[in-house]
Amino acid sequence: MKIVYLLLGTLFGVGLSFSGMTDPRKVLGFLDLFGDWDPTLVFVMASGVATTFIAYRLILKREKPIFSALFVLPNNIKIDRNLILGAVLFGIGWGLYGYCPGPAIASLSYLNYESFLFVAAMLAGSWIRSMQAKRQLVDN
């Protein structure tokens, strides 16, 4: 099973690299609406949305997933403080450096120290949030 995860993660990383999304200048160029705007990220996003839209409809027609006993889908539709805070932090990180988590991890293969700093900060933030969530469970 782990080999499937490795292969799918590798395919995802290759796709990110091929599309240029492991280059933060490409993403920052997309965010520069009033300067030297680079619209190519729109096509990458549209491809991802279209693929997901089609794949979900096909996959969810199955009785169960191929590699699991049941589907595990999110059921929380509430917009709360944690969702908004997470979205804001994600946007700030994306806008400051030009990476979201997938491309940041894929960019580690280029051995740029900035990528390692970004991933370290991302992992630290994730760990801090998990500690806060555990503390909230204990307090409640």
Protein backbone atom coordinates (compact mmCIF):
# COMPACT_ATOMS: atom_id res chain seq x y z
CA MET A 1 0.00 0.00 0.00
CA LYS A 2 2.82 2.41 0.84
CA ILE A 3 4.26 1.92 -2.63
CA VAL A 4 0.98 3.21 -4.10
CA TYR A 5 1.25 6.34 -1.93
CA LEU A 6 4.87 6.80 -3.00
CA LEU A 7 4.00 6.43 -6.68
CA LEU A 8 1.03 8.82 -6.46
CA GLY A 9 3.06 11.38 -4.51
CA THR A 10 5.85 11.13 -7.07
CA LEU A 11 3.36 11.61 -9.91
CA PHE A 12 1.95 14.67 -8.13
CA GLY A 13 5.44 16.11 -7.62
CA VAL A 14 6.38 15.54 -11.25
CA GLY A 15 3.15 17.25 -12.34
CA LEU A 16 3.89 20.23 -10.09
CA SER A 17 7.40 20.46 -11.45
CA PHE A 18 6.28 20.08 -15.08
CA SER A 19 3.67 22.82 -14.68
CA GLY A 20 6.21 25.20 -13.12
CA MET A 21 4.45 25.35 -9.76
CA THR A 22 7.67 24.50 -7.90
CA ASP A 23 9.02 27.90 -9.00
CA PRO A 24 7.76 30.52 -6.54
CA ARG A 25 8.32 33.26 -9.14
CA LYS A 26 5.58 31.65 -11.27
CA VAL A 27 3.08 31.81 -8.40
CA LEU A 28 4.13 35.31 -7.32
CA GLY A 29 3.77 36.39 -10.96
CA PHE A 30 0.19 35.13 -10.88
CA LEU A 31 -0.50 37.17 -7.74
CA ASP A 32 0.98 40.33 -9.30
CA LEU A 33 -2.27 41.50 -10.90
CA PHE A 34 -1.14 45.06 -11.61
CA GLY A 35 2.45 44.31 -12.62
CA ASP A 36 3.91 41.58 -14.77
CA TRP A 37 0.93 39.22 -14.41
CA ASP A 38 1.49 35.55 -15.33
CA PRO A 39 -1.87 33.83 -16.03
CA THR A 40 -0.50 30.28 -16.42
CA LEU A 41 -1.55 29.30 -12.90
CA VAL A 42 -5.18 29.74 -13.97
CA PHE A 43 -4.74 26.84 -16.41
CA VAL A 44 -3.08 24.65 -13.77
CA MET A 45 -5.91 25.38 -11.32
CA ALA A 46 -8.59 24.82 -13.96
CA SER A 47 -7.01 21.48 -14.90
CA GLY A 48 -7.00 20.41 -11.26
CA VAL A 49 -10.60 21.47 -10.69
CA ALA A 50 -11.80 19.77 -13.88
CA THR A 51 -9.94 16.55 -13.06
CA THR A 52 -11.33 16.51 -9.52
CA PHE A 53 -14.86 17.30 -10.70
CA ILE A 54 -14.87 14.39 -13.14
CA ALA A 55 -12.97 11.95 -10.92
CA TYR A 56 -15.23 12.48 -7.89
CA ARG A 57 -18.31 11.71 -9.95
CA LEU A 58 -16.77 8.52 -11.33
CA ILE A 59 -15.16 7.32 -8.10
CA LEU A 60 -18.15 7.97 -5.83
CA LYS A 61 -20.30 5.73 -8.03
CA ARG A 62 -18.26 2.81 -6.69
CA GLU A 63 -19.45 0.89 -3.66
CA LYS A 64 -16.09 1.40 -1.93
CA PRO A 65 -12.62 2.70 -2.72
CA ILE A 66 -10.06 0.37 -4.29
CA PHE A 67 -7.56 0.60 -1.43
CA SER A 68 -9.90 1.05 1.54
CA ALA A 69 -12.99 -0.45 3.10
CA LEU A 70 -15.03 2.76 2.92
CA PHE A 71 -15.02 6.34 1.68
CA VAL A 72 -13.97 8.96 4.23
CA LEU A 73 -15.27 12.33 3.10
CA PRO A 74 -15.39 15.60 5.01
CA ASN A 75 -18.79 16.40 6.45
CA ASN A 76 -18.12 19.71 8.19
CA ILE A 77 -19.73 22.55 6.24
CA LYS A 78 -19.39 25.13 9.00
CA ILE A 79 -17.27 28.23 8.38
CA ASP A 80 -15.63 28.88 11.72
CA ARG A 81 -12.72 30.79 13.22
CA ASN A 82 -10.25 27.96 12.61
CA LEU A 83 -11.15 27.72 8.93
CA ILE A 84 -10.81 31.47 8.43
CA LEU A 85 -7.55 31.66 10.38
CA GLY A 86 -6.12 28.72 8.43
CA ALA A 87 -7.12 30.27 5.11
CA VAL A 88 -5.57 33.60 6.09
CA LEU A 89 -2.30 31.97 7.18
CA PHE A 90 -2.22 29.87 4.01
CA GLY A 91 -2.77 32.97 1.87
CA ILE A 92 -0.10 34.96 3.69
CA GLY A 93 2.44 32.16 3.26
CA TRP A 94 1.49 31.69 -0.38
CA GLY A 95 1.70 35.40 -1.09
CA LEU A 96 4.98 35.99 0.75
CA TYR A 97 6.91 33.09 -0.66
CA GLY A 98 4.90 31.69 -3.56
CA TYR A 99 4.47 28.15 -2.27
CA CYS A 100 1.63 26.08 -0.96
CA PRO A 101 2.45 22.77 0.78
CA GLY A 102 2.62 20.41 -2.23
CA PRO A 103 4.94 22.52 -4.38
CA ALA A 104 7.04 23.43 -1.34
CA ILE A 105 7.73 19.77 -0.60
CA ALA A 106 8.37 19.02 -4.28
CA SER A 107 10.80 21.96 -4.43
CA LEU A 108 13.02 20.34 -1.79
CA SER A 109 14.51 18.28 -4.62
CA TYR A 110 16.15 21.49 -5.94
CA LEU A 111 18.07 21.79 -2.64
CA ASN A 112 17.34 25.54 -2.25
CA TYR A 113 17.73 26.64 1.36
CA GLU A 114 14.60 28.81 1.05
CA SER A 115 12.51 25.72 0.35
CA PHE A 116 13.90 23.96 3.40
CA LEU A 117 13.15 27.02 5.57
CA PHE A 118 9.60 27.21 4.21
CA VAL A 119 8.92 23.50 4.79
CA ALA A 120 10.43 23.69 8.29
CA ALA A 121 8.18 26.67 9.12
CA MET A 122 5.18 24.87 7.61
CA LEU A 123 5.86 21.74 9.69
CA ALA A 124 6.39 23.83 12.84
CA GLY A 125 3.08 25.59 12.27
CA SER A 126 1.34 22.29 11.70
CA TRP A 127 2.83 20.86 14.89
CA ILE A 128 1.84 23.94 16.92
CA ARG A 129 -1.73 23.68 15.62
CA SER A 130 -1.91 19.98 16.49
CA MET A 131 -0.75 20.77 20.03
CA GLN A 132 -3.44 23.46 20.32
CA ALA A 133 -6.10 21.01 19.11
CA LYS A 134 -4.99 18.43 21.70
CA ARG A 135 -5.12 21.06 24.43
CA GLN A 136 -8.64 22.09 23.34
CA LEU A 137 -9.78 18.46 23.58
CA VAL A 138 -8.40 18.19 27.12
CA ASP A 139 -9.96 21.50 28.16
CA ASN A 140 -13.40 20.47 26.86
